[in-house]
């Protein structure tokens, strides 16, 4: 039994020796792998640190010592060279005022209904006290001594007009005069050293340029909206429905997409220099609220009308004495000989056109070097002129181009300017 045990023990020794050797080899191999991994890790860390040092040295030459946000690293241009919305709004809001007009009106429903009953029962008519109604709009201060431009439809027929400035100061206003033909009115308050807007030049306004509309929509004081000029010399036939003036309507609106609503009428349309370029007047809408387009009287027209009202007491309107039809309405647009312009269809005997020798069928091409292709173009130019002034008119007759100097007249054929009331 003992021999068997020893024999068995010897039989296992080769196996044990093989196992021990394998274990030792495995341990040595693991140590080598561990050492290799450690070496690789140290190399990786060293490379990373070296790369960071190189990146740090590189960025030291790019970034300033005290880095700032990207938006602050650009040096701003002076406001005079790079106009902004902020500058234009700041110049405008204190020169645009709130206009409250009070009217005395008789209720139509009462007259229509109770008047019929009184007539039916043969009762004598009873005196009916008119109701006091308020209307609201905007205005633009155009001088430090209190002259304010607004729309005629804001104050027409008003018994009392009150002005509220951006600082909540309130003053009564006097109506100097109004012109339904252009929907412009001039007011005055008894005050000095007021903030006011300077006149721009609406002839230089370009389609696509940025503009701001400043006013008091829905009685929200000093509201500013932004948009672009969408079109010029736009005629929307709105003044012909609300005339009451002495002359034909003059419509040549600046069209914009700046948001304008009820209460904006009479407010300012300004460029990014804060210059007045138009008086906001109307919107294109079926609901009475802004739906995308608004219209402003060009400031050159508004300025001329306000100066006439201030100096003469009424508008000095120039007449040429003709009726015309735009060529696009009478010519074949696809024809190779198509030309733009206004064809003379009627001439007033003794009028300015008649005295200058123009004839029926002549095509007016330019006035003072400015093309006239639509009625809006024509009325915008003539609406800025006065009787007694001279224009150069370029026209075509039988394919030949001519120039004529024309002395403008008033509606009665005269050239003198009348002073009705001087302020």
Protein backbone atom coordinates (compact mmCIF):
# COMPACT_ATOMS: atom_id res chain seq x y z
CA UNK A 1 0.00 0.00 0.00
CA UNK A 2 2.87 2.31 0.87
CA UNK A 3 4.68 1.69 -2.40
CA UNK A 4 1.57 2.35 -4.29
CA UNK A 5 1.19 5.66 -2.54
CA UNK A 6 4.76 6.72 -3.28
CA UNK A 7 4.46 5.61 -6.85
CA UNK A 8 1.33 7.62 -7.21
CA UNK A 9 2.98 10.64 -5.70
CA UNK A 10 5.82 10.48 -8.19
CA UNK A 11 3.34 10.06 -10.97
CA UNK A 12 1.91 13.56 -10.07
CA UNK A 13 5.22 15.38 -9.73
CA UNK A 14 5.70 15.98 -13.48
CA UNK A 15 2.18 17.41 -13.61
CA UNK A 16 2.86 19.63 -10.58
CA UNK A 17 6.14 20.85 -12.03
CA UNK A 18 4.44 21.62 -15.33
CA UNK A 19 1.66 23.51 -13.49
CA UNK A 20 4.10 25.55 -11.41
CA UNK A 21 6.18 26.46 -14.44
CA UNK A 22 3.08 27.55 -16.35
CA UNK A 23 1.96 29.65 -13.36
CA UNK A 24 5.34 31.32 -13.12
CA UNK A 25 5.41 32.00 -16.87
CA UNK A 26 1.89 33.45 -16.73
CA UNK A 27 2.84 35.72 -13.84
CA UNK A 28 5.94 36.92 -15.67
CA UNK A 29 3.87 37.53 -18.82
CA UNK A 30 1.25 39.52 -16.88
CA UNK A 31 3.97 41.64 -15.33
CA UNK A 32 5.39 42.35 -18.79
CA UNK A 33 1.94 43.34 -20.13
CA UNK A 34 1.32 45.54 -17.08
CA UNK A 35 4.71 47.19 -17.49
CA UNK A 36 4.08 47.73 -21.21
CA UNK A 37 0.65 49.32 -20.48
CA UNK A 38 2.23 51.58 -17.87
CA UNK A 39 4.89 52.69 -20.35
CA UNK A 40 2.24 53.40 -23.00
CA UNK A 41 0.17 55.40 -20.48
CA UNK A 42 3.19 57.47 -19.45
CA UNK A 43 3.99 58.16 -23.12
CA UNK A 44 0.37 59.21 -23.80
CA UNK A 45 0.28 61.58 -20.82
CA UNK A 46 3.58 63.10 -21.86
CA UNK A 47 2.36 63.66 -25.42
CA UNK A 48 -0.86 65.24 -24.12
CA UNK A 49 0.98 67.59 -21.80
CA UNK A 50 3.39 68.55 -24.57
CA UNK A 51 0.49 69.22 -26.96
CA UNK A 52 -1.29 71.38 -24.38
CA UNK A 53 1.85 73.44 -23.86
CA UNK A 54 2.18 73.99 -27.62
CA UNK A 55 -1.53 74.99 -27.91
CA UNK A 56 -1.21 77.33 -24.96
CA UNK A 57 1.82 79.02 -26.50
CA UNK A 58 -0.01 79.37 -29.83
CA UNK A 59 -3.19 80.88 -28.36
CA UNK A 60 -1.21 83.39 -26.35
CA UNK A 61 -0.44 85.15 -29.62
CA UNK A 62 -4.14 85.16 -30.76
CA UNK A 63 -6.19 86.02 -27.70
CA UNK A 64 -5.83 89.30 -25.83
CA UNK A 65 -4.51 89.31 -22.30
CA UNK A 66 -8.04 89.84 -20.94
CA UNK A 67 -10.31 87.99 -23.39
CA UNK A 68 -13.78 89.50 -24.04
CA UNK A 69 -16.94 88.11 -25.61
CA UNK A 70 -16.82 88.00 -29.40
CA UNK A 71 -19.54 90.63 -29.80
CA UNK A 72 -17.47 93.16 -27.85
CA UNK A 73 -14.20 92.72 -29.72
CA UNK A 74 -15.50 94.62 -32.77
CA UNK A 75 -15.05 98.35 -32.36
CA UNK A 76 -18.42 100.04 -33.01
CA UNK A 77 -18.65 102.54 -35.85
CA UNK A 78 -19.72 106.08 -34.99
CA UNK A 79 -23.48 106.48 -35.20
CA UNK A 80 -23.08 109.16 -37.86
CA UNK A 81 -21.48 106.67 -40.24
CA UNK A 82 -23.59 103.64 -39.36
CA UNK A 83 -27.18 104.65 -38.51
CA UNK A 84 -29.17 102.28 -36.33
CA UNK A 85 -32.76 101.62 -35.32
CA UNK A 86 -31.92 102.69 -31.78
CA UNK A 87 -30.57 106.07 -32.86
CA UNK A 88 -33.52 106.74 -35.13
CA UNK A 89 -36.05 105.77 -32.47
CA UNK A 90 -34.35 107.88 -29.84
CA UNK A 91 -34.45 110.94 -32.08
CA UNK A 92 -38.10 110.38 -32.99
CA UNK A 93 -40.18 109.36 -29.99
CA UNK A 94 -40.01 112.70 -28.18
CA UNK A 95 -41.06 114.60 -31.31
CA UNK A 96 -44.13 112.46 -32.04
CA UNK A 97 -47.25 113.41 -30.08
CA UNK A 98 -50.67 112.02 -29.28
CA UNK A 99 -53.57 113.98 -30.79
CA UNK A 100 -57.03 113.87 -29.20
CA UNK A 101 -59.87 115.49 -31.13
CA UNK A 102 -63.34 116.18 -29.71
CA UNK A 103 -66.34 116.35 -32.04
CA UNK A 104 -69.97 117.26 -31.52
CA UNK A 105 -72.18 114.92 -33.52
CA UNK A 106 -75.89 114.21 -33.61
CA UNK A 107 -76.71 110.50 -33.22
CA UNK A 108 -77.93 109.30 -36.58
CA UNK A 109 -79.88 106.41 -35.11
CA UNK A 110 -81.98 108.81 -33.02
CA UNK A 111 -82.80 110.96 -36.04
CA UNK A 112 -83.58 108.00 -38.29
CA UNK A 113 -85.81 106.21 -35.78
CA UNK A 114 -87.39 108.75 -33.45
CA UNK A 115 -87.60 111.38 -36.17
CA UNK A 116 -89.81 109.02 -38.15
CA UNK A 117 -92.10 108.43 -35.14
CA UNK A 118 -92.46 112.14 -34.47
CA UNK A 119 -93.34 112.71 -38.09
CA UNK A 120 -95.82 109.82 -38.02
CA UNK A 121 -97.60 111.07 -34.88
CA UNK A 122 -97.31 114.67 -36.08
CA UNK A 123 -95.46 115.81 -33.01
CA UNK A 124 -93.32 118.93 -33.17
CA UNK A 125 -89.60 118.16 -33.46
CA UNK A 126 -87.75 118.26 -30.16
CA UNK A 127 -84.25 119.73 -29.86
CA UNK A 128 -81.67 117.01 -29.61
CA UNK A 129 -78.39 117.70 -27.88
CA UNK A 130 -75.41 116.56 -29.95
CA UNK A 131 -73.13 113.98 -28.43
CA UNK A 132 -69.47 114.60 -27.72
CA UNK A 133 -67.25 112.07 -29.46
CA UNK A 134 -63.49 111.69 -29.18
CA UNK A 135 -61.05 110.63 -31.89
CA UNK A 136 -57.38 109.83 -31.56
CA UNK A 137 -54.34 110.06 -33.78
CA UNK A 138 -50.72 111.15 -33.87
CA UNK A 139 -48.76 114.21 -34.89
CA UNK A 140 -45.18 115.27 -35.59
CA UNK A 141 -43.54 118.35 -34.08
CA UNK A 142 -41.68 120.11 -36.91
CA UNK A 143 -40.40 123.23 -35.13
CA UNK A 144 -39.28 124.16 -31.62
CA UNK A 145 -42.01 126.81 -31.38
CA UNK A 146 -44.92 124.39 -31.49
CA UNK A 147 -45.95 123.64 -35.10
CA UNK A 148 -47.26 120.10 -35.55
CA UNK A 149 -48.16 118.17 -38.72
CA UNK A 150 -50.95 115.59 -38.61
CA UNK A 151 -53.58 114.15 -40.96
CA UNK A 152 -56.60 116.17 -41.96
CA UNK A 153 -58.91 113.25 -41.16
CA UNK A 154 -57.63 113.23 -37.55
CA UNK A 155 -58.88 116.77 -36.81
CA UNK A 156 -61.42 117.59 -39.54
CA UNK A 157 -64.52 119.08 -37.91
CA UNK A 158 -63.07 118.95 -34.40
CA UNK A 159 -64.33 121.39 -31.76
CA UNK A 160 -61.27 120.93 -29.60
CA UNK A 161 -57.81 119.43 -30.11
CA UNK A 162 -55.46 118.36 -27.33
CA UNK A 163 -51.81 117.34 -27.64
CA UNK A 164 -50.04 114.94 -25.28
CA UNK A 165 -46.26 114.75 -25.45
CA UNK A 166 -44.13 111.71 -24.71
CA UNK A 167 -43.44 113.02 -21.18
CA UNK A 168 -47.25 113.13 -20.53
CA UNK A 169 -47.37 116.92 -20.79
CA UNK A 170 -50.72 118.05 -22.23
CA UNK A 171 -51.49 121.27 -24.14
CA UNK A 172 -54.44 122.55 -26.17
CA UNK A 173 -53.79 122.99 -29.89
CA UNK A 174 -55.03 125.44 -32.50
CA UNK A 175 -55.83 124.29 -36.02
CA UNK A 176 -53.76 126.51 -38.32
CA UNK A 177 -55.22 124.97 -41.46
CA UNK A 178 -55.84 121.75 -43.33
CA UNK A 179 -55.81 120.35 -46.86
CA UNK A 180 -58.17 117.45 -47.59
CA UNK A 181 -56.60 116.99 -51.04
CA UNK A 182 -53.39 115.69 -49.45
CA UNK A 183 -54.88 114.76 -46.04
CA UNK A 184 -52.42 117.07 -44.28
CA UNK A 185 -53.22 119.48 -41.43
CA UNK A 186 -51.11 121.91 -39.40
CA UNK A 187 -51.58 122.51 -35.67
CA UNK A 188 -49.86 124.77 -33.20
CA UNK A 189 -49.38 124.68 -29.43
CA UNK A 190 -48.20 127.54 -27.25
CA UNK A 191 -44.79 126.21 -26.26
CA UNK A 192 -41.10 126.77 -26.94
CA UNK A 193 -37.94 124.67 -27.11
CA UNK A 194 -39.80 121.53 -28.10
CA UNK A 195 -38.15 118.41 -29.49
CA UNK A 196 -38.82 118.28 -33.23
CA UNK A 197 -37.93 116.23 -36.29
CA UNK A 198 -35.90 117.55 -39.19
CA UNK A 199 -37.17 117.08 -42.72
CA UNK A 200 -35.59 114.46 -44.92
CA UNK A 201 -36.00 114.26 -48.69
CA UNK A 202 -38.72 111.86 -49.80
CA UNK A 203 -37.51 112.10 -53.41
CA UNK A 204 -34.37 110.24 -52.30
CA UNK A 205 -36.28 107.41 -50.61
CA UNK A 206 -35.46 104.06 -52.21
CA UNK A 207 -37.53 100.90 -52.39
CA UNK A 208 -36.06 98.37 -49.97
CA UNK A 209 -34.61 100.84 -47.47
CA UNK A 210 -35.33 100.48 -43.76
CA UNK A 211 -37.82 102.84 -42.14
CA UNK A 212 -39.46 103.29 -38.73
CA UNK A 213 -43.11 104.17 -38.09
CA UNK A 214 -43.59 106.15 -34.87
CA UNK A 215 -47.02 106.89 -33.44
CA UNK A 216 -49.70 106.08 -30.90
CA UNK A 217 -51.70 103.05 -32.10
CA UNK A 218 -54.62 102.08 -29.87
CA UNK A 219 -53.57 104.96 -27.53
CA UNK A 220 -50.27 103.22 -26.81
CA UNK A 221 -47.92 106.15 -26.37
CA UNK A 222 -44.76 106.43 -28.49
CA UNK A 223 -44.81 103.08 -30.27
CA UNK A 224 -42.05 102.31 -32.78
CA UNK A 225 -42.28 99.67 -35.52
CA UNK A 226 -39.85 98.85 -38.31
CA UNK A 227 -40.17 97.82 -41.95
CA UNK A 228 -38.94 98.57 -45.43
CA UNK A 229 -40.19 100.76 -48.23
CA UNK A 230 -42.27 98.47 -50.43
CA UNK A 231 -43.19 100.91 -53.20
CA UNK A 232 -43.33 104.59 -54.10
CA UNK A 233 -45.86 106.85 -55.86
CA UNK A 234 -48.68 104.53 -54.83
CA UNK A 235 -52.26 105.63 -55.62
CA UNK A 236 -54.94 103.79 -53.61
CA UNK A 237 -57.90 106.16 -54.35
CA UNK A 238 -58.61 106.77 -50.69
CA UNK A 239 -58.64 110.57 -50.73
CA UNK A 240 -61.16 110.73 -53.56
CA UNK A 241 -63.66 109.09 -51.22
CA UNK A 242 -63.06 111.65 -48.45
CA UNK A 243 -62.60 114.87 -50.33
CA UNK A 244 -64.18 118.10 -49.22
CA UNK A 245 -61.14 119.96 -50.55
CA UNK A 246 -60.88 122.65 -53.16
CA UNK A 247 -58.74 120.68 -55.58
CA UNK A 248 -58.36 117.15 -56.92
CA UNK A 249 -56.84 114.55 -54.60
CA UNK A 250 -53.07 114.22 -54.67
CA UNK A 251 -52.11 110.62 -53.96
CA UNK A 252 -48.54 109.47 -54.28
CA UNK A 253 -48.00 107.46 -51.12
CA UNK A 254 -44.87 105.78 -49.82
CA UNK A 255 -45.88 102.17 -49.20
CA UNK A 256 -44.17 100.27 -46.37
CA UNK A 257 -44.64 97.05 -44.40
CA UNK A 258 -44.00 98.75 -41.04
CA UNK A 259 -46.92 97.90 -38.73
CA UNK A 260 -49.40 100.79 -38.55
CA UNK A 261 -52.81 100.67 -36.83
CA UNK A 262 -55.62 102.95 -35.71
CA UNK A 263 -54.09 105.88 -33.89
CA UNK A 264 -50.96 105.94 -36.06
CA UNK A 265 -52.56 108.41 -38.48
CA UNK A 266 -50.51 111.59 -38.57
CA UNK A 267 -47.44 109.91 -37.07
CA UNK A 268 -43.91 109.90 -38.40
CA UNK A 269 -42.22 107.71 -40.97
CA UNK A 270 -38.49 108.20 -40.47
CA UNK A 271 -35.30 106.87 -42.03
CA UNK A 272 -32.44 105.43 -39.98
CA UNK A 273 -30.96 108.91 -39.59
CA UNK A 274 -34.10 109.92 -37.68
CA UNK A 275 -35.20 112.26 -40.48
CA UNK A 276 -38.88 112.68 -41.28
CA UNK A 277 -39.65 111.23 -44.73
CA UNK A 278 -43.42 110.71 -44.53
CA UNK A 279 -46.65 111.17 -42.57
CA UNK A 280 -48.39 107.84 -41.89
CA UNK A 281 -51.90 108.09 -43.27
CA UNK A 282 -53.63 104.83 -44.18
CA UNK A 283 -53.47 101.04 -44.19
CA UNK A 284 -54.63 98.46 -46.70
CA UNK A 285 -57.03 96.31 -44.70
CA UNK A 286 -60.46 94.71 -44.83
CA UNK A 287 -60.70 94.48 -41.04
CA UNK A 288 -59.48 97.92 -39.95
CA UNK A 289 -56.30 96.43 -38.46
CA UNK A 290 -52.85 96.15 -39.97
CA UNK A 291 -52.53 93.30 -42.45
CA UNK A 292 -49.20 93.96 -44.10
CA UNK A 293 -49.06 97.37 -45.83
CA UNK A 294 -49.29 100.98 -44.75
CA UNK A 295 -49.13 104.25 -46.68
CA UNK A 296 -47.52 107.59 -45.89
CA UNK A 297 -47.74 111.03 -47.50
CA UNK A 298 -44.22 111.89 -48.78
CA UNK A 299 -42.62 114.52 -46.55
CA UNK A 300 -41.82 116.81 -49.49
CA UNK A 301 -45.56 117.12 -50.12
CA UNK A 302 -46.39 117.47 -46.42
CA UNK A 303 -43.67 120.08 -45.95
CA UNK A 304 -44.90 122.20 -48.85
CA UNK A 305 -48.52 122.02 -47.64
CA UNK A 306 -47.57 122.93 -44.05
CA UNK A 307 -45.44 125.85 -45.22
CA UNK A 308 -48.32 127.13 -47.36
CA UNK A 309 -50.78 126.87 -44.47
CA UNK A 310 -48.36 128.65 -42.16
CA UNK A 311 -47.39 131.40 -44.61
CA UNK A 312 -50.49 131.92 -46.75
CA UNK A 313 -53.32 130.38 -44.74
CA UNK A 314 -54.24 128.07 -47.63
CA UNK A 315 -52.46 125.71 -50.01
CA UNK A 316 -50.97 127.33 -53.10
CA UNK A 317 -51.70 124.67 -55.70
CA UNK A 318 -50.19 124.68 -59.17
CA UNK A 319 -52.15 123.58 -62.24
CA UNK A 320 -50.98 122.65 -65.73
CA UNK A 321 -54.42 122.60 -67.32
CA UNK A 322 -54.55 119.13 -68.85
CA UNK A 323 -55.93 115.64 -68.55
CA UNK A 324 -53.70 112.66 -69.36
CA UNK A 325 -53.72 108.90 -69.70
CA UNK A 326 -50.70 106.75 -68.74
CA UNK A 327 -49.15 105.10 -71.77
CA UNK A 328 -49.33 101.63 -70.23
CA UNK A 329 -53.12 101.93 -70.45
CA UNK A 330 -53.22 102.80 -74.15
CA UNK A 331 -50.13 101.14 -75.67
CA UNK A 332 -49.21 97.58 -76.47
CA UNK A 333 -46.63 96.70 -73.82
CA UNK A 334 -45.13 94.03 -76.06
CA UNK A 335 -44.53 96.40 -78.94
CA UNK A 336 -40.94 97.24 -79.79
CA UNK A 337 -41.77 100.95 -79.95
CA UNK A 338 -43.46 101.06 -76.53
CA UNK A 339 -42.51 104.09 -74.41
CA UNK A 340 -43.38 105.18 -70.88
CA UNK A 341 -45.04 108.48 -70.17
CA UNK A 342 -48.37 110.30 -69.99
CA UNK A 343 -50.38 111.03 -73.13
CA UNK A 344 -52.18 114.38 -73.17
CA UNK A 345 -55.89 113.76 -73.82
CA UNK A 346 -57.37 117.17 -72.98
CA UNK A 347 -56.00 120.71 -72.72
CA UNK A 348 -57.64 123.62 -70.90
CA UNK A 349 -57.71 126.70 -73.16
CA UNK A 350 -55.52 129.40 -71.68
CA UNK A 351 -53.88 126.98 -69.23
CA UNK A 352 -50.16 126.53 -68.68
CA UNK A 353 -49.88 123.64 -71.13
CA UNK A 354 -51.87 125.49 -73.77
CA UNK A 355 -49.69 128.61 -73.45
CA UNK A 356 -46.53 126.47 -73.78
CA UNK A 357 -47.71 125.15 -77.15
CA UNK A 358 -48.24 121.48 -76.31
CA UNK A 359 -50.88 119.56 -78.27
CA UNK A 360 -53.25 116.64 -77.84
CA UNK A 361 -51.43 113.35 -78.25
CA UNK A 362 -48.09 114.68 -76.99
CA UNK A 363 -46.47 112.29 -74.51
CA UNK A 364 -45.00 113.80 -71.35
CA UNK A 365 -41.78 111.97 -70.48
CA UNK A 366 -40.14 113.99 -67.69
CA UNK A 367 -40.72 116.96 -65.41
CA UNK A 368 -37.53 118.68 -64.28
CA UNK A 369 -35.57 115.61 -65.31
CA UNK A 370 -37.72 113.18 -63.31
CA UNK A 371 -39.57 110.44 -65.26
CA UNK A 372 -43.37 110.50 -65.03
CA UNK A 373 -44.96 107.17 -65.92
CA UNK A 374 -48.02 107.19 -63.64
CA UNK A 375 -50.46 109.64 -62.17
CA UNK A 376 -48.72 109.20 -58.83
CA UNK A 377 -45.42 110.33 -60.33
CA UNK A 378 -47.07 113.38 -61.87
CA UNK A 379 -49.03 114.52 -58.81
CA UNK A 380 -46.11 114.01 -56.44
CA UNK A 381 -43.98 116.44 -58.46
CA UNK A 382 -46.69 119.02 -59.19
CA UNK A 383 -47.97 118.83 -55.60
CA UNK A 384 -44.64 120.22 -54.38
CA UNK A 385 -44.82 123.30 -56.63
CA UNK A 386 -46.60 126.66 -56.47
CA UNK A 387 -48.15 129.02 -59.01
CA UNK A 388 -45.54 131.32 -60.47
CA UNK A 389 -42.80 128.69 -60.50
CA UNK A 390 -41.35 127.38 -63.76
CA UNK A 391 -40.74 123.76 -64.70
CA UNK A 392 -38.99 122.12 -67.63
CA UNK A 393 -41.20 119.56 -69.29
CA UNK A 394 -39.79 116.94 -71.68
CA UNK A 395 -42.30 115.51 -74.14
CA UNK A 396 -42.46 113.49 -77.33
CA UNK A 397 -44.33 114.38 -80.52
CA UNK A 398 -44.25 112.21 -83.64
CA UNK A 399 -41.22 110.32 -82.37
CA UNK A 400 -39.18 113.45 -81.64
CA UNK A 401 -38.31 114.74 -78.16
CA UNK A 402 -38.75 118.39 -77.14
CA UNK A 403 -38.29 120.50 -74.01
CA UNK A 404 -40.60 123.31 -72.91
CA UNK A 405 -40.37 125.76 -70.01
CA UNK A 406 -43.81 126.08 -68.43
CA UNK A 407 -44.98 128.80 -66.03
CA UNK A 408 -47.33 127.22 -63.51
CA UNK A 409 -50.73 128.77 -62.80
CA UNK A 410 -53.39 128.51 -60.13
CA UNK A 411 -56.90 127.19 -60.75
CA UNK A 412 -58.02 130.60 -62.00
CA UNK A 413 -55.12 131.05 -64.41
CA UNK A 414 -53.14 133.42 -62.23
CA UNK A 415 -49.55 133.16 -61.03
CA UNK A 416 -49.60 135.38 -57.91
CA UNK A 417 -49.67 133.85 -54.42
CA UNK A 418 -52.49 134.98 -52.18
CA UNK A 419 -52.15 135.52 -48.44
CA UNK A 420 -55.38 134.58 -46.71
CA UNK A 421 -54.17 134.39 -43.12
CA UNK A 422 -50.66 134.69 -41.84
CA UNK A 423 -49.48 133.06 -38.62
